[in-house]
Amino acid sequence: MALPLSILDLAHIGEGETAADSFAASVALAQRAEELGYRRVWYAEHHNMDSIASSATSVLIAHIAAHTRTIRLGAGGVMLPNHSPLTIAEQFGTLETLHPGRIDLGLGRAPGSDQNTMRALRRTPSAADTFPQDVLELQGYLTGETRIPGVHATPGKGTNVPLYILGSSLFGAQLAAMLGLPYAFASHFAPTALEEAVTVYRTEFKPSAQLDRPYVIAALNVIAADSGEEAREQFLEAKRLRVSKFLGRGRTFTPEEADMILESPAGQQLLQMMKYSAVGDQAEVKEYVDRFAAHSRADELIVAFSAPDRKVWLRSAELLAQAYDL
């Protein structure tokens, strides 16, 4: 497999950690990824989640960029319904001006939060309805061809920060194809529509000023360790943590309780979200990633390292890069 490999850093706040610890770990991962030859690292916008530190996505990108030299960095993604296109153009125009040629802007339609959080963000569910128009407005600010007469992004105008459409359904695939933009599919947590969405995107793609042919980025989870047993132990722990995070409602389950819940319909649904997960030693992970690359028909893979243990988390990045001699 000669595909570029990238990283989706979920900026998780581990057990007993603070947000500051998460930021330090993200800097360490990005610096190591740069040394190892990964193409890019992306960070996702989430709000009101005490286990994820990347809520102020552009600020985190700025911090990581200041501590690295060459690796591309970006949002995977900014949830555009939470913001005005002008504000995002100014933020990412600033990033691109400070770090030329290193910034990506992935855009999602989901709010990345619940209804109360949406209210706190001063947004309504209908904000997502104008997503296609908002993408075009944002693009106009970044290219310098504004769609709002007399309104320009400074910084931003003429920076041409590359846009990517993120999605887990056919809507994003169709929009990315129509606008001639790269498409990133969130198969690391929403695997169901991967094959159909990629087919729709590739079939309906129309060339644009940014992109002359379809470009698909597919996401998957990876836990690689020096032994398969260690990797599988970490995968089990990751699944147990998901049970507490998504089904606990503020309660932390014991390992035994979590294992019982994983056998339930709700637990099986959680496991289905992690369908595309490469787990094992270096050889096992490489074999799985090769198969996933062929299955997804991707042009690039973006990997979420899912191990709760920080050492295994970082070791996963090293083993995967070494497996492909990046």
C-alpha atoms as a PDB file:
ATOM      1  CA  MET A   1       0.000   0.000   0.000  1.00  0.00           C
ATOM      2  CA  ALA A   2       1.511   3.304  -1.090  1.00  0.00           C
ATOM      3  CA  LEU A   3      -1.259   5.523   0.278  1.00  0.00           C
ATOM      4  CA  PRO A   4      -0.396   8.539   2.423  1.00  0.00           C
ATOM      5  CA  LEU A   5      -1.092   8.017   6.119  1.00  0.00           C
ATOM      6  CA  SER A   6      -2.424  10.768   8.365  1.00  0.00           C
ATOM      7  CA  ILE A   7      -3.617  11.049  11.963  1.00  0.00           C
ATOM      8  CA  LEU A   8      -6.891  12.117  13.534  1.00  0.00           C
ATOM      9  CA  ASP A   9      -5.914  13.199  17.045  1.00  0.00           C
ATOM     10  CA  LEU A  10      -9.071  13.111  19.155  1.00  0.00           C
ATOM     11  CA  ALA A  11      -7.272  15.093  21.875  1.00  0.00           C
ATOM     12  CA  HIS A  12      -8.700  12.807  24.533  1.00  0.00           C
ATOM     13  CA  ILE A  13      -8.351  13.620  28.210  1.00  0.00           C
ATOM     14  CA  GLY A  14      -7.441  10.331  29.819  1.00  0.00           C
ATOM     15  CA  GLU A  15      -8.236   8.973  33.273  1.00  0.00           C
ATOM     16  CA  GLY A  16      -6.612  11.257  35.846  1.00  0.00           C
ATOM     17  CA  GLU A  17      -5.493  13.745  33.192  1.00  0.00           C
ATOM     18  CA  THR A  18      -6.232  17.430  32.655  1.00  0.00           C
ATOM     19  CA  ALA A  19      -6.765  19.302  29.389  1.00  0.00           C
ATOM     20  CA  ALA A  20      -3.192  20.565  29.753  1.00  0.00           C
ATOM     21  CA  ASP A  21      -1.963  16.960  29.806  1.00  0.00           C
ATOM     22  CA  SER A  22      -3.955  16.268  26.633  1.00  0.00           C
ATOM     23  CA  PHE A  23      -2.420  19.277  24.872  1.00  0.00           C
ATOM     24  CA  ALA A  24       1.100  18.197  25.853  1.00  0.00           C
ATOM     25  CA  ALA A  25       0.385  14.706  24.497  1.00  0.00           C
ATOM     26  CA  SER A  26      -0.973  16.173  21.250  1.00  0.00           C
ATOM     27  CA  VAL A  27       2.219  18.197  20.779  1.00  0.00           C
ATOM     28  CA  ALA A  28       4.310  15.082  21.390  1.00  0.00           C
ATOM     29  CA  LEU A  29       2.246  13.049  18.901  1.00  0.00           C
ATOM     30  CA  ALA A  30       2.438  15.729  16.194  1.00  0.00           C
ATOM     31  CA  GLN A  31       6.190  16.109  16.622  1.00  0.00           C
ATOM     32  CA  ARG A  32       6.671  12.334  16.427  1.00  0.00           C
ATOM     33  CA  ALA A  33       4.307  12.115  13.428  1.00  0.00           C
ATOM     34  CA  GLU A  34       6.391  14.758  11.670  1.00  0.00           C
ATOM     35  CA  GLU A  35       9.563  12.739  12.295  1.00  0.00           C
ATOM     36  CA  LEU A  36       7.894   9.512  11.146  1.00  0.00           C
ATOM     37  CA  GLY A  37       6.562  10.884   7.847  1.00  0.00           C
ATOM     38  CA  TYR A  38       2.809  11.169   8.380  1.00  0.00           C
ATOM     39  CA  ARG A  39       1.170  13.599   5.965  1.00  0.00           C
ATOM     40  CA  ARG A  40      -1.122  15.528   8.325  1.00  0.00           C
ATOM     41  CA  VAL A  41      -2.733  15.633  11.757  1.00  0.00           C
ATOM     42  CA  TRP A  42      -6.325  16.769  12.165  1.00  0.00           C
ATOM     43  CA  TYR A  43      -8.310  17.799  15.242  1.00  0.00           C
ATOM     44  CA  ALA A  44     -12.095  17.675  15.617  1.00  0.00           C
ATOM     45  CA  GLU A  45     -14.484  20.204  17.102  1.00  0.00           C
ATOM     46  CA  HIS A  46     -16.500  18.791  20.025  1.00  0.00           C
ATOM     47  CA  HIS A  47     -18.285  20.738  22.744  1.00  0.00           C
ATOM     48  CA  ASN A  48     -19.391  19.911  26.288  1.00  0.00           C
ATOM     49  CA  MET A  49     -17.425  16.641  26.343  1.00  0.00           C
ATOM     50  CA  ASP A  50     -15.198  16.281  29.394  1.00  0.00           C
ATOM     51  CA  SER A  51     -13.031  13.671  27.657  1.00  0.00           C
ATOM     52  CA  ILE A  52     -12.103  15.750  24.553  1.00  0.00           C
ATOM     53  CA  ALA A  53      -9.922  18.875  24.652  1.00  0.00           C
ATOM     54  CA  SER A  54     -10.198  20.145  21.055  1.00  0.00           C
ATOM     55  CA  SER A  55     -13.294  22.359  21.422  1.00  0.00           C
ATOM     56  CA  ALA A  56     -11.365  25.510  20.415  1.00  0.00           C
ATOM     57  CA  THR A  57     -10.037  23.722  17.346  1.00  0.00           C
ATOM     58  CA  SER A  58      -8.240  26.592  15.607  1.00  0.00           C
ATOM     59  CA  VAL A  59      -6.482  27.591  18.858  1.00  0.00           C
ATOM     60  CA  LEU A  60      -5.201  24.044  19.344  1.00  0.00           C
ATOM     61  CA  ILE A  61      -4.002  23.917  15.722  1.00  0.00           C
ATOM     62  CA  ALA A  62      -2.097  27.172  16.279  1.00  0.00           C
ATOM     63  CA  HIS A  63      -0.421  25.726  19.365  1.00  0.00           C
ATOM     64  CA  ILE A  64       0.586  22.508  17.588  1.00  0.00           C
ATOM     65  CA  ALA A  65       1.798  24.429  14.521  1.00  0.00           C
ATOM     66  CA  ALA A  66       4.058  26.571  16.707  1.00  0.00           C
ATOM     67  CA  HIS A  67       5.693  23.395  18.049  1.00  0.00           C
ATOM     68  CA  THR A  68       6.194  21.645  14.680  1.00  0.00           C
ATOM     69  CA  ARG A  69       7.876  22.647  11.431  1.00  0.00           C
ATOM     70  CA  THR A  70       6.596  20.853   8.335  1.00  0.00           C
ATOM     71  CA  ILE A  71       3.642  18.539   8.954  1.00  0.00           C
ATOM     72  CA  ARG A  72       0.226  19.660   7.697  1.00  0.00           C
ATOM     73  CA  LEU A  73      -2.325  20.451  10.417  1.00  0.00           C
ATOM     74  CA  GLY A  74      -6.008  21.106  10.241  1.00  0.00           C
ATOM     75  CA  ALA A  75      -9.553  20.652  11.374  1.00  0.00           C
ATOM     76  CA  GLY A  76     -11.184  17.307  10.917  1.00  0.00           C
ATOM     77  CA  GLY A  77     -13.353  19.113  11.254  1.00  0.00           C
ATOM     78  CA  VAL A  78     -14.894  22.444  12.097  1.00  0.00           C
ATOM     79  CA  MET A  79     -18.652  22.046  12.534  1.00  0.00           C
ATOM     80  CA  LEU A  80     -19.657  24.954  10.319  1.00  0.00           C
ATOM     81  CA  PRO A  81     -23.253  25.306  11.617  1.00  0.00           C
ATOM     82  CA  ASN A  82     -21.725  26.456  14.923  1.00  0.00           C
ATOM     83  CA  HIS A  83     -19.983  29.443  13.313  1.00  0.00           C
ATOM     84  CA  SER A  84     -20.270  32.205  10.775  1.00  0.00           C
ATOM     85  CA  PRO A  85     -18.273  31.478   7.597  1.00  0.00           C
ATOM     86  CA  LEU A  86     -16.490  34.823   7.948  1.00  0.00           C
ATOM     87  CA  THR A  87     -15.212  33.958  11.433  1.00  0.00           C
ATOM     88  CA  ILE A  88     -13.819  30.616  10.264  1.00  0.00           C
ATOM     89  CA  ALA A  89     -12.242  32.244   7.204  1.00  0.00           C
ATOM     90  CA  GLU A  90     -10.502  34.754   9.473  1.00  0.00           C
ATOM     91  CA  GLN A  91      -9.312  32.055  11.891  1.00  0.00           C
ATOM     92  CA  PHE A  92      -7.931  29.735   9.226  1.00  0.00           C
ATOM     93  CA  GLY A  93      -6.664  32.637   7.143  1.00  0.00           C
ATOM     94  CA  THR A  94      -4.682  33.669  10.207  1.00  0.00           C
ATOM     95  CA  LEU A  95      -3.346  30.126  10.648  1.00  0.00           C
ATOM     96  CA  GLU A  96      -2.329  29.896   6.984  1.00  0.00           C
ATOM     97  CA  THR A  97      -0.644  33.308   7.138  1.00  0.00           C
ATOM     98  CA  LEU A  98       1.340  32.261  10.214  1.00  0.00           C
ATOM     99  CA  HIS A  99       2.147  28.770   8.874  1.00  0.00           C
ATOM    100  CA  PRO A 100       2.068  28.963   5.048  1.00  0.00           C
ATOM    101  CA  GLY A 101       1.284  25.779   3.152  1.00  0.00           C
ATOM    102  CA  ARG A 102       0.551  23.722   6.259  1.00  0.00           C
ATOM    103  CA  ILE A 103      -3.141  24.301   7.052  1.00  0.00           C
ATOM    104  CA  ASP A 104      -6.210  22.235   6.072  1.00  0.00           C
ATOM    105  CA  LEU A 105      -9.854  23.037   6.753  1.00  0.00           C
ATOM    106  CA  GLY A 106     -12.231  20.087   7.011  1.00  0.00           C
ATOM    107  CA  LEU A 107     -15.892  21.019   7.344  1.00  0.00           C
ATOM    108  CA  GLY A 108     -18.720  19.080   8.942  1.00  0.00           C
ATOM    109  CA  ARG A 109     -22.468  19.655   9.048  1.00  0.00           C
ATOM    110  CA  ALA A 110     -23.212  18.043  12.418  1.00  0.00           C
ATOM    111  CA  PRO A 111     -23.355  20.343  15.452  1.00  0.00           C
ATOM    112  CA  GLY A 112     -20.908  18.189  17.408  1.00  0.00           C
ATOM    113  CA  SER A 113     -23.018  18.606  20.527  1.00  0.00           C
ATOM    114  CA  ASP A 114     -26.447  18.088  22.109  1.00  0.00           C
ATOM    115  CA  GLN A 115     -29.395  20.493  22.025  1.00  0.00           C
ATOM    116  CA  ASN A 116     -28.554  22.266  25.292  1.00  0.00           C
ATOM    117  CA  THR A 117     -24.995  22.803  24.111  1.00  0.00           C
ATOM    118  CA  MET A 118     -26.312  24.062  20.783  1.00  0.00           C
ATOM    119  CA  ARG A 119     -28.354  26.608  22.692  1.00  0.00           C
ATOM    120  CA  ALA A 120     -25.268  27.622  24.663  1.00  0.00           C
ATOM    121  CA  LEU A 121     -23.464  28.119  21.343  1.00  0.00           C
ATOM    122  CA  ARG A 122     -26.375  30.366  20.252  1.00  0.00           C
ATOM    123  CA  ARG A 123     -27.212  27.958  17.429  1.00  0.00           C
ATOM    124  CA  THR A 124     -30.417  26.249  16.343  1.00  0.00           C
ATOM    125  CA  PRO A 125     -30.928  22.865  14.605  1.00  0.00           C
ATOM    126  CA  SER A 126     -31.883  24.732  11.431  1.00  0.00           C
ATOM    127  CA  ALA A 127     -28.333  26.173  11.205  1.00  0.00           C
ATOM    128  CA  ALA A 128     -27.298  22.979   9.409  1.00  0.00           C
ATOM    129  CA  ASP A 129     -29.811  23.616   6.615  1.00  0.00           C
ATOM    130  CA  THR A 130     -27.602  26.274   5.008  1.00  0.00           C
ATOM    131  CA  PHE A 131     -24.412  24.187   5.147  1.00  0.00           C
ATOM    132  CA  PRO A 132     -23.865  24.052   1.332  1.00  0.00           C
ATOM    133  CA  GLN A 133     -24.325  27.821   0.980  1.00  0.00           C
ATOM    134  CA  ASP A 134     -22.098  28.437   4.026  1.00  0.00           C
ATOM    135  CA  VAL A 135     -19.321  26.306   2.519  1.00  0.00           C
ATOM    136  CA  LEU A 136     -19.463  28.386  -0.677  1.00  0.00           C
ATOM    137  CA  GLU A 137     -19.475  31.635   1.294  1.00  0.00           C
ATOM    138  CA  LEU A 138     -16.438  30.461   3.295  1.00  0.00           C
ATOM    139  CA  GLN A 139     -14.671  29.388   0.125  1.00  0.00           C
ATOM    140  CA  GLY A 140     -15.272  32.833  -1.386  1.00  0.00           C
ATOM    141  CA  TYR A 141     -13.611  34.557   1.566  1.00  0.00           C
ATOM    142  CA  LEU A 142     -10.539  32.307   1.309  1.00  0.00           C
ATOM    143  CA  THR A 143     -10.126  32.632  -2.467  1.00  0.00           C
ATOM    144  CA  GLY A 144     -10.768  36.376  -2.432  1.00  0.00           C
ATOM    145  CA  GLU A 145     -13.925  36.020  -4.533  1.00  0.00           C
ATOM    146  CA  THR A 146     -16.349  37.053  -1.813  1.00  0.00           C
ATOM    147  CA  ARG A 147     -20.036  36.261  -2.190  1.00  0.00           C
ATOM    148  CA  ILE A 148     -21.023  39.077   0.183  1.00  0.00           C
ATOM    149  CA  PRO A 149     -20.340  42.408  -1.574  1.00  0.00           C
ATOM    150  CA  GLY A 150     -17.839  44.536   0.303  1.00  0.00           C
ATOM    151  CA  VAL A 151     -17.080  41.881   2.958  1.00  0.00           C
ATOM    152  CA  HIS A 152     -13.609  40.329   3.031  1.00  0.00           C
ATOM    153  CA  ALA A 153     -11.680  38.101   5.429  1.00  0.00           C
ATOM    154  CA  THR A 154      -8.507  39.731   6.715  1.00  0.00           C
ATOM    155  CA  PRO A 155      -6.436  37.614   7.129  1.00  0.00           C
ATOM    156  CA  GLY A 156      -7.960  35.030   4.825  1.00  0.00           C
ATOM    157  CA  LYS A 157      -8.503  36.672   1.468  1.00  0.00           C
ATOM    158  CA  GLY A 158      -6.354  34.941  -1.153  1.00  0.00           C
ATOM    159  CA  THR A 159      -4.909  32.343   1.245  1.00  0.00           C
ATOM    160  CA  ASN A 160      -6.771  29.539  -0.585  1.00  0.00           C
ATOM    161  CA  VAL A 161      -6.786  27.262   2.459  1.00  0.00           C
ATOM    162  CA  PRO A 162      -7.845  23.875   1.012  1.00  0.00           C
ATOM    163  CA  LEU A 163     -11.329  22.744   2.019  1.00  0.00           C
ATOM    164  CA  TYR A 164     -12.411  19.169   2.708  1.00  0.00           C
ATOM    165  CA  ILE A 165     -15.968  17.954   3.210  1.00  0.00           C
ATOM    166  CA  LEU A 166     -16.358  15.547   6.124  1.00  0.00           C
ATOM    167  CA  GLY A 167     -19.257  13.159   6.335  1.00  0.00           C
ATOM    168  CA  SER A 168     -20.727   9.831   7.356  1.00  0.00           C
ATOM    169  CA  SER A 169     -23.674   9.792   4.955  1.00  0.00           C
ATOM    170  CA  LEU A 170     -24.525  10.300   1.310  1.00  0.00           C
ATOM    171  CA  PHE A 171     -25.259  14.012   1.852  1.00  0.00           C
ATOM    172  CA  GLY A 172     -21.600  14.883   2.385  1.00  0.00           C
ATOM    173  CA  ALA A 173     -20.523  12.657  -0.502  1.00  0.00           C
ATOM    174  CA  GLN A 174     -22.925  14.368  -2.896  1.00  0.00           C
ATOM    175  CA  LEU A 175     -21.960  17.851  -1.724  1.00  0.00           C
ATOM    176  CA  ALA A 176     -18.228  17.168  -1.998  1.00  0.00           C
ATOM    177  CA  ALA A 177     -18.755  15.742  -5.495  1.00  0.00           C
ATOM    178  CA  MET A 178     -20.862  18.703  -6.603  1.00  0.00           C
ATOM    179  CA  LEU A 179     -18.361  21.272  -5.296  1.00  0.00           C
ATOM    180  CA  GLY A 180     -15.309  19.366  -6.519  1.00  0.00           C
ATOM    181  CA  LEU A 181     -13.779  19.077  -3.044  1.00  0.00           C
ATOM    182  CA  PRO A 182     -11.935  16.222  -1.316  1.00  0.00           C
ATOM    183  CA  TYR A 183     -14.158  13.967   0.789  1.00  0.00           C
ATOM    184  CA  ALA A 184     -13.241  12.503   4.185  1.00  0.00           C
ATOM    185  CA  PHE A 185     -15.459   9.710   5.487  1.00  0.00           C
ATOM    186  CA  ALA A 186     -15.787   9.183   9.257  1.00  0.00           C
ATOM    187  CA  SER A 187     -15.620   5.394   9.086  1.00  0.00           C
ATOM    188  CA  HIS A 188     -13.751   5.256  12.416  1.00  0.00           C
ATOM    189  CA  PHE A 189     -17.074   5.732  14.232  1.00  0.00           C
ATOM    190  CA  ALA A 190     -19.814   5.664  11.543  1.00  0.00           C
ATOM    191  CA  PRO A 191     -18.886   2.780   9.227  1.00  0.00           C
ATOM    192  CA  THR A 192     -22.253   1.876   7.726  1.00  0.00           C
ATOM    193  CA  ALA A 193     -22.372   3.964   4.541  1.00  0.00           C
ATOM    194  CA  LEU A 194     -18.667   3.926   3.657  1.00  0.00           C
ATOM    195  CA  GLU A 195     -18.838   1.920   0.419  1.00  0.00           C
ATOM    196  CA  GLU A 196     -21.987   3.596  -0.908  1.00  0.00           C
ATOM    197  CA  ALA A 197     -20.791   7.103  -0.059  1.00  0.00           C
ATOM    198  CA  VAL A 198     -17.433   6.587  -1.782  1.00  0.00           C
ATOM    199  CA  THR A 199     -19.182   5.209  -4.873  1.00  0.00           C
ATOM    200  CA  VAL A 200     -21.571   8.176  -5.008  1.00  0.00           C
ATOM    201  CA  TYR A 201     -18.723  10.646  -4.543  1.00  0.00           C
ATOM    202  CA  ARG A 202     -16.517   9.108  -7.224  1.00  0.00           C
ATOM    203  CA  THR A 203     -19.417   8.745  -9.686  1.00  0.00           C
ATOM    204  CA  GLU A 204     -20.808  12.265  -9.288  1.00  0.00           C
ATOM    205  CA  PHE A 205     -17.534  14.198  -8.857  1.00  0.00           C
ATOM    206  CA  LYS A 206     -17.163  17.413 -10.869  1.00  0.00           C
ATOM    207  CA  PRO A 207     -13.682  18.971 -11.206  1.00  0.00           C
ATOM    208  CA  SER A 208     -13.090  22.359  -9.568  1.00  0.00           C
ATOM    209  CA  ALA A 209     -10.371  24.978  -9.225  1.00  0.00           C
ATOM    210  CA  GLN A 210      -9.150  23.179  -6.086  1.00  0.00           C
ATOM    211  CA  LEU A 211      -9.324  19.588  -7.332  1.00  0.00           C
ATOM    212  CA  ASP A 212      -9.343  17.965 -10.765  1.00  0.00           C
ATOM    213  CA  ARG A 213     -10.190  14.392  -9.721  1.00  0.00           C
ATOM    214  CA  PRO A 214     -11.886  12.672  -6.759  1.00  0.00           C
ATOM    215  CA  TYR A 215      -9.890  12.376  -3.551  1.00  0.00           C
ATOM    216  CA  VAL A 216     -11.135  10.183  -0.705  1.00  0.00           C
ATOM    217  CA  ILE A 217      -9.772  10.074   2.829  1.00  0.00           C
ATOM    218  CA  ALA A 218     -11.101   7.145   4.897  1.00  0.00           C
ATOM    219  CA  ALA A 219     -10.743   6.914   8.675  1.00  0.00           C
ATOM    220  CA  LEU A 220     -10.093   3.873  10.842  1.00  0.00           C
ATOM    221  CA  ASN A 221      -9.023   3.042  14.383  1.00  0.00           C
ATOM    222  CA  VAL A 222      -5.615   1.542  15.090  1.00  0.00           C
ATOM    223  CA  ILE A 223      -4.133  -0.006  18.217  1.00  0.00           C
ATOM    224  CA  ALA A 224      -0.682  -1.442  17.494  1.00  0.00           C
ATOM    225  CA  ALA A 225       1.612  -2.832  20.176  1.00  0.00           C
ATOM    226  CA  ASP A 226       4.754  -4.908  20.399  1.00  0.00           C
ATOM    227  CA  SER A 227       2.555  -7.920  21.149  1.00  0.00           C
ATOM    228  CA  GLY A 228      -0.901  -8.758  19.862  1.00  0.00           C
ATOM    229  CA  GLU A 229      -1.988  -9.583  23.405  1.00  0.00           C
ATOM    230  CA  GLU A 230      -1.127  -6.096  24.667  1.00  0.00           C
ATOM    231  CA  ALA A 231      -2.971  -4.491  21.751  1.00  0.00           C
ATOM    232  CA  ARG A 232      -6.095  -6.576  22.365  1.00  0.00           C
ATOM    233  CA  GLU A 233      -6.036  -5.707  26.074  1.00  0.00           C
ATOM    234  CA  GLN A 234      -5.967  -2.031  25.127  1.00  0.00           C
ATOM    235  CA  PHE A 235      -8.802  -2.538  22.658  1.00  0.00           C
ATOM    236  CA  LEU A 236     -10.948  -4.140  25.353  1.00  0.00           C
ATOM    237  CA  GLU A 237     -10.182  -1.232  27.669  1.00  0.00           C
ATOM    238  CA  ALA A 238     -11.116   1.224  24.898  1.00  0.00           C
ATOM    239  CA  LYS A 239     -14.458  -0.551  24.446  1.00  0.00           C
ATOM    240  CA  ARG A 240     -15.140  -0.460  28.192  1.00  0.00           C
ATOM    241  CA  LEU A 241     -14.392   3.266  28.283  1.00  0.00           C
ATOM    242  CA  ARG A 242     -16.873   3.799  25.444  1.00  0.00           C
ATOM    243  CA  VAL A 243     -19.564   2.095  27.479  1.00  0.00           C
ATOM    244  CA  SER A 244     -19.030   4.517  30.377  1.00  0.00           C
ATOM    245  CA  LYS A 245     -18.740   7.509  28.052  1.00  0.00           C
ATOM    246  CA  PHE A 246     -21.805   6.858  25.889  1.00  0.00           C
ATOM    247  CA  LEU A 247     -24.072   4.813  28.174  1.00  0.00           C
ATOM    248  CA  GLY A 248     -22.898   5.707  31.676  1.00  0.00           C
ATOM    249  CA  ARG A 249     -24.774   9.019  32.079  1.00  0.00           C
ATOM    250  CA  GLY A 250     -22.137  10.232  34.488  1.00  0.00           C
ATOM    251  CA  ARG A 251     -21.469   6.819  36.015  1.00  0.00           C
ATOM    252  CA  THR A 252     -18.261   4.802  35.579  1.00  0.00           C
ATOM    253  CA  PHE A 253     -18.839   1.069  35.210  1.00  0.00           C
ATOM    254  CA  THR A 254     -16.635  -1.678  36.606  1.00  0.00           C
ATOM    255  CA  PRO A 255     -14.926  -3.852  33.977  1.00  0.00           C
ATOM    256  CA  GLU A 256     -17.409  -6.642  34.723  1.00  0.00           C
ATOM    257  CA  GLU A 257     -20.400  -4.321  34.318  1.00  0.00           C
ATOM    258  CA  ALA A 258     -19.001  -2.877  31.094  1.00  0.00           C
ATOM    259  CA  ASP A 259     -18.432  -6.359  29.669  1.00  0.00           C
ATOM    260  CA  MET A 260     -22.029  -7.306  30.432  1.00  0.00           C
ATOM    261  CA  ILE A 261     -23.307  -4.141  28.747  1.00  0.00           C
ATOM    262  CA  LEU A 262     -21.163  -4.855  25.691  1.00  0.00           C
ATOM    263  CA  GLU A 263     -23.182  -8.069  25.257  1.00  0.00           C
ATOM    264  CA  SER A 264     -26.463  -6.096  25.240  1.00  0.00           C
ATOM    265  CA  PRO A 265     -28.060  -4.559  22.100  1.00  0.00           C
ATOM    266  CA  ALA A 266     -26.854  -1.097  23.132  1.00  0.00           C
ATOM    267  CA  GLY A 267     -23.349  -2.464  23.645  1.00  0.00           C
ATOM    268  CA  GLN A 268     -23.388  -4.219  20.293  1.00  0.00           C
ATOM    269  CA  GLN A 269     -24.340  -0.925  18.669  1.00  0.00           C
ATOM    270  CA  LEU A 270     -21.289   0.692  20.271  1.00  0.00           C
ATOM    271  CA  LEU A 271     -19.101  -2.130  18.978  1.00  0.00           C
ATOM    272  CA  GLN A 272     -20.525  -1.675  15.479  1.00  0.00           C
ATOM    273  CA  MET A 273     -19.277   1.940  15.562  1.00  0.00           C
ATOM    274  CA  MET A 274     -15.745   0.513  15.965  1.00  0.00           C
ATOM    275  CA  LYS A 275     -16.129  -1.922  13.062  1.00  0.00           C
ATOM    276  CA  TYR A 276     -13.068  -0.623  11.233  1.00  0.00           C
ATOM    277  CA  SER A 277     -10.342  -1.169  13.832  1.00  0.00           C
ATOM    278  CA  ALA A 278      -6.876  -2.576  13.208  1.00  0.00           C
ATOM    279  CA  VAL A 279      -5.697  -4.220  16.425  1.00  0.00           C
ATOM    280  CA  GLY A 280      -2.625  -6.341  17.031  1.00  0.00           C
ATOM    281  CA  ASP A 281       1.122  -6.428  16.593  1.00  0.00           C
ATOM    282  CA  GLN A 282       2.784  -4.640  13.698  1.00  0.00           C
ATOM    283  CA  ALA A 283       2.219  -7.428  11.160  1.00  0.00           C
ATOM    284  CA  GLU A 284      -1.440  -7.934  12.132  1.00  0.00           C
ATOM    285  CA  VAL A 285      -2.158  -4.222  11.936  1.00  0.00           C
ATOM    286  CA  LYS A 286      -0.444  -3.868   8.567  1.00  0.00           C
ATOM    287  CA  GLU A 287      -2.459  -6.744   7.141  1.00  0.00           C
ATOM    288  CA  TYR A 288      -5.718  -5.180   8.337  1.00  0.00           C
ATOM    289  CA  VAL A 289      -4.827  -1.694   7.101  1.00  0.00           C
ATOM    290  CA  ASP A 290      -3.939  -3.092   3.662  1.00  0.00           C
ATOM    291  CA  ARG A 291      -7.341  -4.792   3.466  1.00  0.00           C
ATOM    292  CA  PHE A 292      -9.148  -1.658   4.641  1.00  0.00           C
ATOM    293  CA  ALA A 293      -7.334   0.479   2.059  1.00  0.00           C
ATOM    294  CA  ALA A 294      -8.513  -1.809  -0.728  1.00  0.00           C
ATOM    295  CA  HIS A 295     -12.035  -2.069   0.701  1.00  0.00           C
ATOM    296  CA  SER A 296     -12.486   1.693   1.133  1.00  0.00           C
ATOM    297  CA  ARG A 297     -10.968   2.620  -2.258  1.00  0.00           C
ATOM    298  CA  ALA A 298      -9.356   5.559  -0.467  1.00  0.00           C
ATOM    299  CA  ASP A 299      -6.598   7.828  -1.734  1.00  0.00           C
ATOM    300  CA  GLU A 300      -5.397   8.467   1.825  1.00  0.00           C
ATOM    301  CA  LEU A 301      -6.037   6.905   5.221  1.00  0.00           C
ATOM    302  CA  ILE A 302      -6.462   8.895   8.423  1.00  0.00           C
ATOM    303  CA  VAL A 303      -5.968   6.962  11.621  1.00  0.00           C
ATOM    304  CA  ALA A 304      -7.394   7.469  15.102  1.00  0.00           C
ATOM    305  CA  PHE A 305      -5.098   5.810  17.629  1.00  0.00           C
ATOM    306  CA  SER A 306      -7.541   4.393  20.172  1.00  0.00           C
ATOM    307  CA  ALA A 307      -5.351   2.979  22.938  1.00  0.00           C
ATOM    308  CA  PRO A 308      -6.206   4.506  26.340  1.00  0.00           C
ATOM    309  CA  ASP A 309      -2.621   4.021  27.557  1.00  0.00           C
ATOM    310  CA  ARG A 310      -0.484   6.958  26.380  1.00  0.00           C
ATOM    311  CA  LYS A 311       2.591   4.807  25.755  1.00  0.00           C
ATOM    312  CA  VAL A 312       0.670   2.359  23.553  1.00  0.00           C
ATOM    313  CA  TRP A 313      -1.059   5.334  21.881  1.00  0.00           C
ATOM    314  CA  LEU A 314       2.288   6.796  20.804  1.00  0.00           C
ATOM    315  CA  ARG A 315       3.788   3.364  20.075  1.00  0.00           C
ATOM    316  CA  SER A 316       0.890   2.694  17.684  1.00  0.00           C
ATOM    317  CA  ALA A 317       1.944   5.679  15.605  1.00  0.00           C
ATOM    318  CA  GLU A 318       5.537   4.464  15.508  1.00  0.00           C
ATOM    319  CA  LEU A 319       4.720   0.850  14.598  1.00  0.00           C
ATOM    320  CA  LEU A 320       2.288   1.840  11.834  1.00  0.00           C
ATOM    321  CA  ALA A 321       4.762   4.283  10.280  1.00  0.00           C
ATOM    322  CA  GLN A 322       7.545   1.694  10.428  1.00  0.00           C
ATOM    323  CA  ALA A 323       5.295  -0.940   8.846  1.00  0.00           C
ATOM    324  CA  TYR A 324       4.919   1.261   5.761  1.00  0.00           C
ATOM    325  CA  ASP A 325       8.404   2.793   5.856  1.00  0.00           C
ATOM    326  CA  LEU A 326       6.971   6.315   5.728  1.00  0.00           C
END
